[in-house]
Amino acid sequence: MRYWRVPLDAEKVKIPRGEIHLIINRCKGCEFCVEFCPRDVLVMSKDYNVKGYHYPEVAVPDQCVNCDLCQVICPDFAIFCLPQDAEAKSDEEVKDGEG
């Protein structure tokens, strides 16, 4: 997307990134997460889970902006998203605590 001008704080704004986690065997294949993802991160898999349903897969992990819409709309609580920055910080804190 091109803007007609660059915002004054463009270099200060950091786009949030998320990591999507799926509980494959809990999914019933309703496709709500795929349909309502604003960045088209998810696609339906050709494989089946234990229940016999197609489940979603992460197609473009770098496009996830951690909006949590997939988590909110899933009726089976089979998907959740964690911010990438929080995971990196927690790993660093663990390393600092060890030494």
PDB file of N, CA and C in Angstrom:
ATOM      1  N   MET A   1       0.845  -1.173   0.000  1.00  0.00           N
ATOM      2  CA  MET A   1       0.000   0.000   0.000  1.00  0.00           C
ATOM      3  C   MET A   1       0.890   1.236   0.000  1.00  0.00           C
ATOM      4  N   ARG A   2       0.582   2.153  -0.863  1.00  0.00           N
ATOM      5  CA  ARG A   2       1.350   3.392  -0.937  1.00  0.00           C
ATOM      6  C   ARG A   2       0.538   4.510  -0.309  1.00  0.00           C
ATOM      7  N   TYR A   3       1.216   5.316   0.468  1.00  0.00           N
ATOM      8  CA  TYR A   3       0.591   6.470   1.091  1.00  0.00           C
ATOM      9  C   TYR A   3       0.985   7.722   0.317  1.00  0.00           C
ATOM     10  N   TRP A   4       0.152   8.721   0.378  1.00  0.00           N
ATOM     11  CA  TRP A   4       0.457   9.950  -0.335  1.00  0.00           C
ATOM     12  C   TRP A   4       1.483  10.780   0.413  1.00  0.00           C
ATOM     13  N   ARG A   5       1.705  10.444   1.686  1.00  0.00           N
ATOM     14  CA  ARG A   5       2.784  11.075   2.448  1.00  0.00           C
ATOM     15  C   ARG A   5       3.270  10.077   3.494  1.00  0.00           C
ATOM     16  N   VAL A   6       4.465  10.289   3.981  1.00  0.00           N
ATOM     17  CA  VAL A   6       5.031   9.413   4.998  1.00  0.00           C
ATOM     18  C   VAL A   6       4.696   9.999   6.361  1.00  0.00           C
ATOM     19  N   PRO A   7       4.160   9.200   7.284  1.00  0.00           N
ATOM     20  CA  PRO A   7       3.867   9.711   8.619  1.00  0.00           C
ATOM     21  C   PRO A   7       5.139  10.204   9.313  1.00  0.00           C
ATOM     22  N   LEU A   8       4.986  11.190  10.179  1.00  0.00           N
ATOM     23  CA  LEU A   8       6.139  11.774  10.837  1.00  0.00           C
ATOM     24  C   LEU A   8       6.861  10.794  11.761  1.00  0.00           C
ATOM     25  N   ASP A   9       6.153   9.855  12.329  1.00  0.00           N
ATOM     26  CA  ASP A   9       6.775   8.905  13.240  1.00  0.00           C
ATOM     27  C   ASP A   9       6.929   7.516  12.613  1.00  0.00           C
ATOM     28  N   ALA A  10       7.113   7.446  11.308  1.00  0.00           N
ATOM     29  CA  ALA A  10       7.168   6.167  10.603  1.00  0.00           C
ATOM     30  C   ALA A  10       8.325   5.298  11.085  1.00  0.00           C
ATOM     31  N   GLU A  11       9.458   5.897  11.412  1.00  0.00           N
ATOM     32  CA  GLU A  11      10.601   5.102  11.857  1.00  0.00           C
ATOM     33  C   GLU A  11      10.447   4.609  13.293  1.00  0.00           C
ATOM     34  N   LYS A  12       9.544   5.200  14.068  1.00  0.00           N
ATOM     35  CA  LYS A  12       9.318   4.792  15.456  1.00  0.00           C
ATOM     36  C   LYS A  12       8.283   3.686  15.575  1.00  0.00           C
ATOM     37  N   VAL A  13       7.400   3.577  14.595  1.00  0.00           N
ATOM     38  CA  VAL A  13       6.319   2.602  14.646  1.00  0.00           C
ATOM     39  C   VAL A  13       6.866   1.216  14.315  1.00  0.00           C
ATOM     40  N   LYS A  14       6.606   0.271  15.192  1.00  0.00           N
ATOM     41  CA  LYS A  14       7.044  -1.098  14.971  1.00  0.00           C
ATOM     42  C   LYS A  14       5.807  -1.966  14.733  1.00  0.00           C
ATOM     43  N   ILE A  15       5.793  -2.688  13.641  1.00  0.00           N
ATOM     44  CA  ILE A  15       4.665  -3.546  13.310  1.00  0.00           C
ATOM     45  C   ILE A  15       4.738  -4.791  14.188  1.00  0.00           C
ATOM     46  N   PRO A  16       3.668  -5.093  14.922  1.00  0.00           N
ATOM     47  CA  PRO A  16       3.706  -6.285  15.784  1.00  0.00           C
ATOM     48  C   PRO A  16       3.705  -7.554  14.939  1.00  0.00           C
ATOM     49  N   ARG A  17       4.384  -8.550  15.420  1.00  0.00           N
ATOM     50  CA  ARG A  17       4.433  -9.848  14.739  1.00  0.00           C
ATOM     51  C   ARG A  17       3.974 -10.922  15.708  1.00  0.00           C
ATOM     52  N   GLY A  18       3.325 -11.928  15.171  1.00  0.00           N
ATOM     53  CA  GLY A  18       2.821 -13.005  16.009  1.00  0.00           C
ATOM     54  C   GLY A  18       3.207 -14.366  15.469  1.00  0.00           C
ATOM     55  N   GLU A  19       3.108 -15.345  16.341  1.00  0.00           N
ATOM     56  CA  GLU A  19       3.357 -16.727  15.954  1.00  0.00           C
ATOM     57  C   GLU A  19       2.099 -17.526  16.251  1.00  0.00           C
ATOM     58  N   ILE A  20       1.563 -18.165  15.225  1.00  0.00           N
ATOM     59  CA  ILE A  20       0.301 -18.893  15.354  1.00  0.00           C
ATOM     60  C   ILE A  20       0.582 -20.326  15.777  1.00  0.00           C
ATOM     61  N   HIS A  21      -0.182 -20.787  16.765  1.00  0.00           N
ATOM     62  CA  HIS A  21      -0.084 -22.158  17.251  1.00  0.00           C
ATOM     63  C   HIS A  21      -1.434 -22.839  17.056  1.00  0.00           C
ATOM     64  N   LEU A  22      -1.401 -24.042  16.509  1.00  0.00           N
ATOM     65  CA  LEU A  22      -2.626 -24.802  16.229  1.00  0.00           C
ATOM     66  C   LEU A  22      -2.672 -26.069  17.070  1.00  0.00           C
ATOM     67  N   ILE A  23      -3.842 -26.379  17.573  1.00  0.00           N
ATOM     68  CA  ILE A  23      -4.089 -27.671  18.206  1.00  0.00           C
ATOM     69  C   ILE A  23      -4.902 -28.445  17.172  1.00  0.00           C
ATOM     70  N   ILE A  24      -4.201 -29.198  16.354  1.00  0.00           N
ATOM     71  CA  ILE A  24      -4.777 -29.807  15.155  1.00  0.00           C
ATOM     72  C   ILE A  24      -5.928 -30.752  15.482  1.00  0.00           C
ATOM     73  N   ASN A  25      -5.789 -31.555  16.495  1.00  0.00           N
ATOM     74  CA  ASN A  25      -6.824 -32.558  16.786  1.00  0.00           C
ATOM     75  C   ASN A  25      -8.068 -31.965  17.433  1.00  0.00           C
ATOM     76  N   ARG A  26      -8.025 -30.714  17.825  1.00  0.00           N
ATOM     77  CA  ARG A  26      -9.205 -30.054  18.393  1.00  0.00           C
ATOM     78  C   ARG A  26     -10.040 -29.386  17.300  1.00  0.00           C
ATOM     79  N   CYS A  27      -9.469 -29.169  16.132  1.00  0.00           N
ATOM     80  CA  CYS A  27     -10.127 -28.434  15.035  1.00  0.00           C
ATOM     81  C   CYS A  27     -11.220 -29.283  14.393  1.00  0.00           C
ATOM     82  N   LYS A  28     -12.342 -28.627  14.034  1.00  0.00           N
ATOM     83  CA  LYS A  28     -13.417 -29.327  13.327  1.00  0.00           C
ATOM     84  C   LYS A  28     -13.577 -28.832  11.891  1.00  0.00           C
ATOM     85  N   GLY A  29     -12.632 -28.029  11.416  1.00  0.00           N
ATOM     86  CA  GLY A  29     -12.610 -27.637  10.015  1.00  0.00           C
ATOM     87  C   GLY A  29     -13.654 -26.625   9.601  1.00  0.00           C
ATOM     88  N   CYS A  30     -14.049 -25.718  10.482  1.00  0.00           N
ATOM     89  CA  CYS A  30     -15.097 -24.741  10.151  1.00  0.00           C
ATOM     90  C   CYS A  30     -14.597 -23.638   9.213  1.00  0.00           C
ATOM     91  N   GLU A  31     -13.300 -23.449   9.115  1.00  0.00           N
ATOM     92  CA  GLU A  31     -12.653 -22.476   8.229  1.00  0.00           C
ATOM     93  C   GLU A  31     -12.901 -21.024   8.616  1.00  0.00           C
ATOM     94  N   PHE A  32     -13.414 -20.740   9.797  1.00  0.00           N
ATOM     95  CA  PHE A  32     -13.612 -19.349  10.215  1.00  0.00           C
ATOM     96  C   PHE A  32     -12.291 -18.598  10.292  1.00  0.00           C
ATOM     97  N   CYS A  33     -11.270 -19.247  10.834  1.00  0.00           N
ATOM     98  CA  CYS A  33      -9.978 -18.575  10.977  1.00  0.00           C
ATOM     99  C   CYS A  33      -9.381 -18.223   9.622  1.00  0.00           C
ATOM    100  N   VAL A  34      -9.571 -19.089   8.634  1.00  0.00           N
ATOM    101  CA  VAL A  34      -9.038 -18.843   7.291  1.00  0.00           C
ATOM    102  C   VAL A  34      -9.811 -17.713   6.616  1.00  0.00           C
ATOM    103  N   GLU A  35     -11.124 -17.721   6.735  1.00  0.00           N
ATOM    104  CA  GLU A  35     -11.953 -16.718   6.072  1.00  0.00           C
ATOM    105  C   GLU A  35     -11.760 -15.319   6.643  1.00  0.00           C
ATOM    106  N   PHE A  36     -11.617 -15.226   7.962  1.00  0.00           N
ATOM    107  CA  PHE A  36     -11.594 -13.915   8.593  1.00  0.00           C
ATOM    108  C   PHE A  36     -10.201 -13.383   8.897  1.00  0.00           C
ATOM    109  N   CYS A  37      -9.153 -14.083   8.510  1.00  0.00           N
ATOM    110  CA  CYS A  37      -7.789 -13.583   8.721  1.00  0.00           C
ATOM    111  C   CYS A  37      -7.559 -12.377   7.806  1.00  0.00           C
ATOM    112  N   PRO A  38      -7.258 -11.202   8.383  1.00  0.00           N
ATOM    113  CA  PRO A  38      -7.121 -10.006   7.552  1.00  0.00           C
ATOM    114  C   PRO A  38      -5.880 -10.007   6.659  1.00  0.00           C
ATOM    115  N   ARG A  39      -4.884 -10.827   6.984  1.00  0.00           N
ATOM    116  CA  ARG A  39      -3.639 -10.854   6.212  1.00  0.00           C
ATOM    117  C   ARG A  39      -3.469 -12.137   5.395  1.00  0.00           C
ATOM    118  N   ASP A  40      -4.489 -12.996   5.356  1.00  0.00           N
ATOM    119  CA  ASP A  40      -4.457 -14.267   4.617  1.00  0.00           C
ATOM    120  C   ASP A  40      -3.246 -15.114   4.984  1.00  0.00           C
ATOM    121  N   VAL A  41      -3.036 -15.275   6.279  1.00  0.00           N
ATOM    122  CA  VAL A  41      -1.915 -16.066   6.787  1.00  0.00           C
ATOM    123  C   VAL A  41      -2.226 -17.553   6.751  1.00  0.00           C
ATOM    124  N   LEU A  42      -3.489 -17.918   6.909  1.00  0.00           N
ATOM    125  CA  LEU A  42      -3.878 -19.317   7.033  1.00  0.00           C
ATOM    126  C   LEU A  42      -4.511 -19.858   5.752  1.00  0.00           C
ATOM    127  N   VAL A  43      -4.292 -21.136   5.506  1.00  0.00           N
ATOM    128  CA  VAL A  43      -4.951 -21.873   4.422  1.00  0.00           C
ATOM    129  C   VAL A  43      -5.380 -23.221   4.981  1.00  0.00           C
ATOM    130  N   MET A  44      -6.342 -23.852   4.347  1.00  0.00           N
ATOM    131  CA  MET A  44      -6.786 -25.172   4.792  1.00  0.00           C
ATOM    132  C   MET A  44      -5.838 -26.247   4.251  1.00  0.00           C
ATOM    133  N   SER A  45      -5.505 -27.184   5.101  1.00  0.00           N
ATOM    134  CA  SER A  45      -4.607 -28.275   4.753  1.00  0.00           C
ATOM    135  C   SER A  45      -5.341 -29.326   3.922  1.00  0.00           C
ATOM    136  N   LYS A  46      -4.593 -30.077   3.177  1.00  0.00           N
ATOM    137  CA  LYS A  46      -5.176 -31.195   2.440  1.00  0.00           C
ATOM    138  C   LYS A  46      -5.198 -32.454   3.309  1.00  0.00           C
ATOM    139  N   ASP A  47      -4.485 -32.431   4.430  1.00  0.00           N
ATOM    140  CA  ASP A  47      -4.448 -33.574   5.348  1.00  0.00           C
ATOM    141  C   ASP A  47      -5.640 -33.536   6.289  1.00  0.00           C
ATOM    142  N   TYR A  48      -5.845 -34.634   6.990  1.00  0.00           N
ATOM    143  CA  TYR A  48      -6.945 -34.760   7.940  1.00  0.00           C
ATOM    144  C   TYR A  48      -6.389 -34.900   9.357  1.00  0.00           C
ATOM    145  N   ASN A  49      -7.167 -34.442  10.341  1.00  0.00           N
ATOM    146  CA  ASN A  49      -6.801 -34.680  11.731  1.00  0.00           C
ATOM    147  C   ASN A  49      -7.431 -35.998  12.196  1.00  0.00           C
ATOM    148  N   VAL A  50      -7.357 -36.289  13.481  1.00  0.00           N
ATOM    149  CA  VAL A  50      -7.872 -37.553  14.008  1.00  0.00           C
ATOM    150  C   VAL A  50      -9.382 -37.666  13.838  1.00  0.00           C
ATOM    151  N   LYS A  51     -10.069 -36.525  13.883  1.00  0.00           N
ATOM    152  CA  LYS A  51     -11.526 -36.527  13.736  1.00  0.00           C
ATOM    153  C   LYS A  51     -11.978 -36.668  12.281  1.00  0.00           C
ATOM    154  N   GLY A  52     -11.051 -36.503  11.333  1.00  0.00           N
ATOM    155  CA  GLY A  52     -11.396 -36.617   9.924  1.00  0.00           C
ATOM    156  C   GLY A  52     -11.687 -35.291   9.253  1.00  0.00           C
ATOM    157  N   TYR A  53     -11.287 -34.193   9.861  1.00  0.00           N
ATOM    158  CA  TYR A  53     -11.515 -32.856   9.297  1.00  0.00           C
ATOM    159  C   TYR A  53     -10.217 -32.281   8.739  1.00  0.00           C
ATOM    160  N   HIS A  54     -10.363 -31.450   7.714  1.00  0.00           N
ATOM    161  CA  HIS A  54      -9.231 -30.656   7.256  1.00  0.00           C
ATOM    162  C   HIS A  54      -8.980 -29.576   8.302  1.00  0.00           C
ATOM    163  N   TYR A  55      -7.744 -29.279   8.570  1.00  0.00           N
ATOM    164  CA  TYR A  55      -7.376 -28.272   9.563  1.00  0.00           C
ATOM    165  C   TYR A  55      -6.586 -27.147   8.894  1.00  0.00           C
ATOM    166  N   PRO A  56      -6.500 -25.980   9.496  1.00  0.00           N
ATOM    167  CA  PRO A  56      -5.757 -24.882   8.893  1.00  0.00           C
ATOM    168  C   PRO A  56      -4.252 -25.061   9.054  1.00  0.00           C
ATOM    169  N   GLU A  57      -3.517 -24.471   8.139  1.00  0.00           N
ATOM    170  CA  GLU A  57      -2.058 -24.431   8.200  1.00  0.00           C
ATOM    171  C   GLU A  57      -1.608 -22.988   8.052  1.00  0.00           C
ATOM    172  N   VAL A  58      -0.467 -22.691   8.592  1.00  0.00           N
ATOM    173  CA  VAL A  58       0.103 -21.354   8.465  1.00  0.00           C
ATOM    174  C   VAL A  58       0.848 -21.308   7.138  1.00  0.00           C
ATOM    175  N   ALA A  59       0.351 -20.501   6.206  1.00  0.00           N
ATOM    176  CA  ALA A  59       0.947 -20.418   4.876  1.00  0.00           C
ATOM    177  C   ALA A  59       2.044 -19.362   4.821  1.00  0.00           C
ATOM    178  N   VAL A  60       1.789 -18.202   5.430  1.00  0.00           N
ATOM    179  CA  VAL A  60       2.738 -17.092   5.382  1.00  0.00           C
ATOM    180  C   VAL A  60       2.970 -16.595   6.812  1.00  0.00           C
ATOM    181  N   PRO A  61       3.869 -17.222   7.567  1.00  0.00           N
ATOM    182  CA  PRO A  61       4.028 -16.854   8.980  1.00  0.00           C
ATOM    183  C   PRO A  61       4.537 -15.430   9.197  1.00  0.00           C
ATOM    184  N   ASP A  62       5.250 -14.871   8.222  1.00  0.00           N
ATOM    185  CA  ASP A  62       5.798 -13.521   8.381  1.00  0.00           C
ATOM    186  C   ASP A  62       4.741 -12.431   8.277  1.00  0.00           C
ATOM    187  N   GLN A  63       3.559 -12.752   7.767  1.00  0.00           N
ATOM    188  CA  GLN A  63       2.502 -11.762   7.591  1.00  0.00           C
ATOM    189  C   GLN A  63       1.614 -11.595   8.820  1.00  0.00           C
ATOM    190  N   CYS A  64       1.747 -12.459   9.819  1.00  0.00           N
ATOM    191  CA  CYS A  64       0.894 -12.391  11.007  1.00  0.00           C
ATOM    192  C   CYS A  64       1.230 -11.155  11.826  1.00  0.00           C
ATOM    193  N   VAL A  65       0.202 -10.362  12.146  1.00  0.00           N
ATOM    194  CA  VAL A  65       0.395  -9.136  12.928  1.00  0.00           C
ATOM    195  C   VAL A  65      -0.179  -9.263  14.336  1.00  0.00           C
ATOM    196  N   ASN A  66      -0.425 -10.487  14.774  1.00  0.00           N
ATOM    197  CA  ASN A  66      -0.896 -10.762  16.132  1.00  0.00           C
ATOM    198  C   ASN A  66      -2.188 -10.028  16.464  1.00  0.00           C
ATOM    199  N   CYS A  67      -3.133 -10.074  15.544  1.00  0.00           N
ATOM    200  CA  CYS A  67      -4.419  -9.403  15.775  1.00  0.00           C
ATOM    201  C   CYS A  67      -5.345 -10.246  16.655  1.00  0.00           C
ATOM    202  N   ASP A  68      -5.052 -11.530  16.813  1.00  0.00           N
ATOM    203  CA  ASP A  68      -5.814 -12.475  17.635  1.00  0.00           C
ATOM    204  C   ASP A  68      -7.234 -12.718  17.131  1.00  0.00           C
ATOM    205  N   LEU A  69      -7.540 -12.338  15.912  1.00  0.00           N
ATOM    206  CA  LEU A  69      -8.879 -12.569  15.377  1.00  0.00           C
ATOM    207  C   LEU A  69      -9.149 -14.063  15.209  1.00  0.00           C
ATOM    208  N   CYS A  70      -8.146 -14.820  14.812  1.00  0.00           N
ATOM    209  CA  CYS A  70      -8.328 -16.266  14.669  1.00  0.00           C
ATOM    210  C   CYS A  70      -8.644 -16.897  16.020  1.00  0.00           C
ATOM    211  N   GLN A  71      -7.994 -16.430  17.048  1.00  0.00           N
ATOM    212  CA  GLN A  71      -8.216 -16.948  18.397  1.00  0.00           C
ATOM    213  C   GLN A  71      -9.605 -16.601  18.909  1.00  0.00           C
ATOM    214  N   VAL A  72     -10.064 -15.408  18.626  1.00  0.00           N
ATOM    215  CA  VAL A  72     -11.366 -14.949  19.099  1.00  0.00           C
ATOM    216  C   VAL A  72     -12.503 -15.663  18.379  1.00  0.00           C
ATOM    217  N   ILE A  73     -12.330 -15.937  17.094  1.00  0.00           N
ATOM    218  CA  ILE A  73     -13.435 -16.466  16.297  1.00  0.00           C
ATOM    219  C   ILE A  73     -13.521 -17.994  16.311  1.00  0.00           C
ATOM    220  N   CYS A  74     -12.479 -18.686  16.769  1.00  0.00           N
ATOM    221  CA  CYS A  74     -12.481 -20.152  16.760  1.00  0.00           C
ATOM    222  C   CYS A  74     -13.446 -20.703  17.803  1.00  0.00           C
ATOM    223  N   PRO A  75     -14.463 -21.469  17.388  1.00  0.00           N
ATOM    224  CA  PRO A  75     -15.437 -21.996  18.344  1.00  0.00           C
ATOM    225  C   PRO A  75     -14.886 -23.153  19.187  1.00  0.00           C
ATOM    226  N   ASP A  76     -13.777 -23.760  18.766  1.00  0.00           N
ATOM    227  CA  ASP A  76     -13.227 -24.918  19.466  1.00  0.00           C
ATOM    228  C   ASP A  76     -11.946 -24.609  20.237  1.00  0.00           C
ATOM    229  N   PHE A  77     -11.536 -23.359  20.252  1.00  0.00           N
ATOM    230  CA  PHE A  77     -10.298 -22.943  20.936  1.00  0.00           C
ATOM    231  C   PHE A  77      -9.108 -23.758  20.433  1.00  0.00           C
ATOM    232  N   ALA A  78      -9.051 -23.967  19.128  1.00  0.00           N
ATOM    233  CA  ALA A  78      -8.016 -24.797  18.525  1.00  0.00           C
ATOM    234  C   ALA A  78      -6.846 -23.990  17.989  1.00  0.00           C
ATOM    235  N   ILE A  79      -6.883 -22.682  18.096  1.00  0.00           N
ATOM    236  CA  ILE A  79      -5.827 -21.844  17.551  1.00  0.00           C
ATOM    237  C   ILE A  79      -5.582 -20.683  18.503  1.00  0.00           C
ATOM    238  N   PHE A  80      -4.318 -20.327  18.638  1.00  0.00           N
ATOM    239  CA  PHE A  80      -3.980 -19.149  19.437  1.00  0.00           C
ATOM    240  C   PHE A  80      -2.712 -18.529  18.885  1.00  0.00           C
ATOM    241  N   CYS A  81      -2.521 -17.277  19.201  1.00  0.00           N
ATOM    242  CA  CYS A  81      -1.408 -16.509  18.663  1.00  0.00           C
ATOM    243  C   CYS A  81      -0.631 -15.876  19.817  1.00  0.00           C
ATOM    244  N   LEU A  82       0.678 -15.964  19.740  1.00  0.00           N
ATOM    245  CA  LEU A  82       1.545 -15.352  20.739  1.00  0.00           C
ATOM    246  C   LEU A  82       2.418 -14.305  20.066  1.00  0.00           C
ATOM    247  N   PRO A  83       2.659 -13.194  20.724  1.00  0.00           N
ATOM    248  CA  PRO A  83       3.554 -12.194  20.130  1.00  0.00           C
ATOM    249  C   PRO A  83       4.987 -12.717  20.069  1.00  0.00           C
ATOM    250  N   GLN A  84       5.662 -12.477  18.967  1.00  0.00           N
ATOM    251  CA  GLN A  84       7.042 -12.944  18.814  1.00  0.00           C
ATOM    252  C   GLN A  84       7.985 -12.225  19.766  1.00  0.00           C
ATOM    253  N   ASP A  85       7.746 -10.957  20.025  1.00  0.00           N
ATOM    254  CA  ASP A  85       8.616 -10.191  20.916  1.00  0.00           C
ATOM    255  C   ASP A  85       8.581 -10.740  22.335  1.00  0.00           C
ATOM    256  N   ALA A  86       7.412 -11.160  22.810  1.00  0.00           N
ATOM    257  CA  ALA A  86       7.286 -11.678  24.171  1.00  0.00           C
ATOM    258  C   ALA A  86       8.059 -12.984  24.314  1.00  0.00           C
ATOM    259  N   GLU A  87       8.045 -13.814  23.278  1.00  0.00           N
ATOM    260  CA  GLU A  87       8.788 -15.068  23.340  1.00  0.00           C
ATOM    261  C   GLU A  87      10.279 -14.796  23.389  1.00  0.00           C
ATOM    262  N   ALA A  88      10.746 -13.852  22.578  1.00  0.00           N
ATOM    263  CA  ALA A  88      12.170 -13.529  22.571  1.00  0.00           C
ATOM    264  C   ALA A  88      12.596 -12.949  23.920  1.00  0.00           C
ATOM    265  N   LYS A  89      11.764 -12.089  24.509  1.00  0.00           N
ATOM    266  CA  LYS A  89      12.084 -11.498  25.802  1.00  0.00           C
ATOM    267  C   LYS A  89      12.105 -12.558  26.896  1.00  0.00           C
ATOM    268  N   SER A  90      11.151 -13.485  26.862  1.00  0.00           N
ATOM    269  CA  SER A  90      11.117 -14.508  27.902  1.00  0.00           C
ATOM    270  C   SER A  90      12.336 -15.423  27.789  1.00  0.00           C
ATOM    271  N   ASP A  91      12.799 -15.720  26.577  1.00  0.00           N
ATOM    272  CA  ASP A  91      14.002 -16.528  26.407  1.00  0.00           C
ATOM    273  C   ASP A  91      15.228 -15.804  26.946  1.00  0.00           C
ATOM    274  N   GLU A  92      15.313 -14.487  26.688  1.00  0.00           N
ATOM    275  CA  GLU A  92      16.438 -13.705  27.194  1.00  0.00           C
ATOM    276  C   GLU A  92      16.419 -13.639  28.716  1.00  0.00           C
ATOM    277  N   GLU A  93      15.219 -13.497  29.303  1.00  0.00           N
ATOM    278  CA  GLU A  93      15.120 -13.433  30.753  1.00  0.00           C
ATOM    279  C   GLU A  93      15.552 -14.755  31.380  1.00  0.00           C
ATOM    280  N   VAL A  94      15.231 -15.869  30.734  1.00  0.00           N
ATOM    281  CA  VAL A  94      15.635 -17.172  31.249  1.00  0.00           C
ATOM    282  C   VAL A  94      17.152 -17.298  31.203  1.00  0.00           C
ATOM    283  N   LYS A  95      17.769 -16.838  30.117  1.00  0.00           N
ATOM    284  CA  LYS A  95      19.214 -16.908  29.982  1.00  0.00           C
ATOM    285  C   LYS A  95      19.900 -16.030  31.043  1.00  0.00           C
ATOM    286  N   ASP A  96      19.318 -14.842  31.291  1.00  0.00           N
ATOM    287  CA  ASP A  96      19.883 -13.953  32.284  1.00  0.00           C
ATOM    288  C   ASP A  96      19.763 -14.553  33.675  1.00  0.00           C
ATOM    289  N   GLY A  97      18.693 -15.266  33.952  1.00  0.00           N
ATOM    290  CA  GLY A  97      18.479 -15.858  35.265  1.00  0.00           C
ATOM    291  C   GLY A  97      19.414 -17.022  35.538  1.00  0.00           C
ATOM    292  N   GLU A  98      19.863 -17.710  34.475  1.00  0.00           N
ATOM    293  CA  GLU A  98      20.745 -18.856  34.662  1.00  0.00           C
ATOM    294  C   GLU A  98      22.141 -18.438  35.067  1.00  0.00           C
ATOM    295  N   GLY A  99      22.620 -17.319  34.519  1.00  0.00           N
ATOM    296  CA  GLY A  99      24.021 -16.918  34.716  1.00  0.00           C
ATOM    297  C   GLY A  99      24.216 -15.997  35.809  1.00  0.00           C
TER     298      GLY A  99
END
